[in-house]
């Protein structure tokens, strides 16, 4: 089972922004200060799960994880595939940086039929009420 990463998507209000960024093409790189010690496990089929407004909302497959520079000037570059896969909403409290996410704890992907054009807030509320 692959190992995943989870990270807050600060300043983004919905998944549509990530989807439009992925459609534009080009390299999608997330910069972080710390390189995961388990990077090899993550690169073997792992994804970066995005937390948007307190909910895990989507994921992007990870293409590679590279460390640039040395010492205090070093940084990590997480290269993402240009595809956004919506997931079932899963509440998460704020945290700094990234965290590992075991496959067994990851939310399930939504199929095309389940992914709608409804606002994310409405989908979240319907799921919480058990109506969806």
Protein backbone atom coordinates (compact mmCIF):
# COMPACT_ATOMS: atom_id res chain seq x y z
CA UNK A 1 0.00 0.00 0.00
CA UNK A 2 1.36 3.42 -0.89
CA UNK A 3 2.17 6.07 1.67
CA UNK A 4 0.64 9.50 1.08
CA UNK A 5 1.24 13.06 2.25
CA UNK A 6 -1.40 15.51 3.46
CA UNK A 7 -1.02 19.30 3.40
CA UNK A 8 -3.13 22.39 3.99
CA UNK A 9 -4.07 24.30 0.84
CA UNK A 10 -3.88 27.80 2.35
CA UNK A 11 -5.64 30.65 0.57
CA UNK A 12 -7.66 28.38 -1.73
CA UNK A 13 -11.44 28.39 -1.32
CA UNK A 14 -12.37 25.35 -3.43
CA UNK A 15 -11.08 22.48 -5.54
CA UNK A 16 -11.90 24.32 -8.78
CA UNK A 17 -8.80 26.52 -8.34
CA UNK A 18 -6.54 23.45 -8.14
CA UNK A 19 -8.30 21.91 -11.16
CA UNK A 20 -7.79 25.06 -13.25
CA UNK A 21 -4.11 25.18 -12.24
CA UNK A 22 -3.68 21.54 -13.31
CA UNK A 23 -5.43 22.17 -16.67
CA UNK A 24 -3.00 24.98 -17.50
CA UNK A 25 -0.21 22.41 -17.69
CA UNK A 26 3.39 23.02 -16.82
CA UNK A 27 5.18 21.79 -13.76
CA UNK A 28 3.23 21.64 -10.53
CA UNK A 29 5.72 21.96 -7.67
CA UNK A 30 4.99 22.32 -3.97
CA UNK A 31 7.89 23.73 -1.97
CA UNK A 32 8.39 22.68 1.64
CA UNK A 33 11.23 23.11 4.06
CA UNK A 34 11.56 19.51 5.20
CA UNK A 35 12.13 16.52 2.94
CA UNK A 36 10.13 13.43 3.97
CA UNK A 37 12.39 10.73 5.43
CA UNK A 38 10.06 8.16 3.83
CA UNK A 39 10.16 9.84 0.39
CA UNK A 40 10.92 6.56 -1.40
CA UNK A 41 7.69 5.05 -0.03
CA UNK A 42 5.67 8.11 -1.04
CA UNK A 43 7.09 8.08 -4.58
CA UNK A 44 5.85 4.50 -5.07
CA UNK A 45 2.28 5.51 -5.94
CA UNK A 46 1.59 8.08 -3.22
CA UNK A 47 -0.50 11.22 -3.55
CA UNK A 48 -0.63 14.63 -1.93
CA UNK A 49 -4.02 15.05 -0.24
CA UNK A 50 -5.14 18.68 0.00
CA UNK A 51 -7.04 20.07 3.02
CA UNK A 52 -9.26 22.95 1.92
CA UNK A 53 -11.30 24.85 4.51
CA UNK A 54 -10.90 22.14 7.14
CA UNK A 55 -11.80 19.22 4.84
CA UNK A 56 -9.68 16.84 2.78
CA UNK A 57 -11.20 17.60 -0.62
CA UNK A 58 -8.91 16.15 -3.30
CA UNK A 59 -5.58 14.56 -4.08
CA UNK A 60 -2.86 14.83 -6.70
CA UNK A 61 -0.51 11.93 -7.52
CA UNK A 62 3.13 12.62 -6.64
CA UNK A 63 5.60 12.33 -9.52
CA UNK A 64 8.81 12.88 -7.52
CA UNK A 65 10.30 14.34 -4.37
CA UNK A 66 13.63 16.17 -4.64
CA UNK A 67 15.85 18.06 -2.19
CA UNK A 68 17.51 21.22 -3.49
CA UNK A 69 20.44 22.95 -1.80
CA UNK A 70 22.35 21.98 1.32
CA UNK A 71 22.29 22.81 5.01
CA UNK A 72 19.99 25.58 6.18
CA UNK A 73 19.36 26.68 2.59
CA UNK A 74 17.94 23.31 1.56
CA UNK A 75 14.30 22.87 0.55
CA UNK A 76 12.10 20.08 -0.74
CA UNK A 77 10.27 20.13 -4.06
CA UNK A 78 7.27 17.84 -4.42
CA UNK A 79 6.40 17.48 -8.10
CA UNK A 80 2.74 16.66 -8.76
CA UNK A 81 0.99 15.07 -11.71
CA UNK A 82 -1.31 17.57 -13.50
CA UNK A 83 -4.50 15.78 -12.42
CA UNK A 84 -6.82 16.53 -9.49
CA UNK A 85 -8.89 13.67 -8.09
CA UNK A 86 -11.76 14.68 -5.83
CA UNK A 87 -12.20 12.67 -2.64
CA UNK A 88 -14.96 12.16 -0.12
CA UNK A 89 -14.75 15.04 2.38
CA UNK A 90 -12.88 14.21 5.56
CA UNK A 91 -12.51 16.76 8.37
CA UNK A 92 -8.98 17.73 9.47
CA UNK A 93 -7.78 20.22 12.04
CA UNK A 94 -5.12 22.77 11.07
CA UNK A 95 -1.47 21.70 11.19
CA UNK A 96 1.83 23.06 9.95
CA UNK A 97 3.78 21.65 7.03
CA UNK A 98 2.80 18.20 5.79
CA UNK A 99 2.00 14.90 7.47
CA UNK A 100 2.16 11.27 6.38
CA UNK A 101 -1.19 9.67 5.56
CA UNK A 102 -1.46 5.89 5.55
CA UNK A 103 -3.52 4.41 2.71
CA UNK A 104 -5.98 2.87 5.20
CA UNK A 105 -6.74 6.35 6.60
CA UNK A 106 -7.08 8.13 3.24
CA UNK A 107 -10.56 9.17 2.06
CA UNK A 108 -12.00 7.32 -0.92
CA UNK A 109 -11.98 8.86 -4.38
CA UNK A 110 -15.25 10.18 -5.71
CA UNK A 111 -16.31 8.73 -9.04
CA UNK A 112 -17.21 11.04 -11.91
CA UNK A 113 -20.87 10.40 -11.11
CA UNK A 114 -20.40 11.53 -7.51
CA UNK A 115 -18.30 14.59 -8.35
CA UNK A 116 -20.80 17.34 -9.00
CA UNK A 117 -20.83 21.01 -9.75
CA UNK A 118 -22.52 21.67 -6.42
CA UNK A 119 -20.66 24.03 -4.08
CA UNK A 120 -18.28 22.20 -1.76
CA UNK A 121 -20.02 23.65 1.32
CA UNK A 122 -23.35 22.20 0.21
CA UNK A 123 -21.84 18.77 -0.52
CA UNK A 124 -20.17 18.77 2.91
CA UNK A 125 -23.43 19.69 4.65
CA UNK A 126 -25.43 17.04 2.76
CA UNK A 127 -22.88 14.36 3.72
CA UNK A 128 -22.93 15.45 7.39
CA UNK A 129 -26.72 15.20 7.40
CA UNK A 130 -26.57 11.75 5.82
CA UNK A 131 -28.60 12.89 2.82
CA UNK A 132 -25.88 12.01 0.33
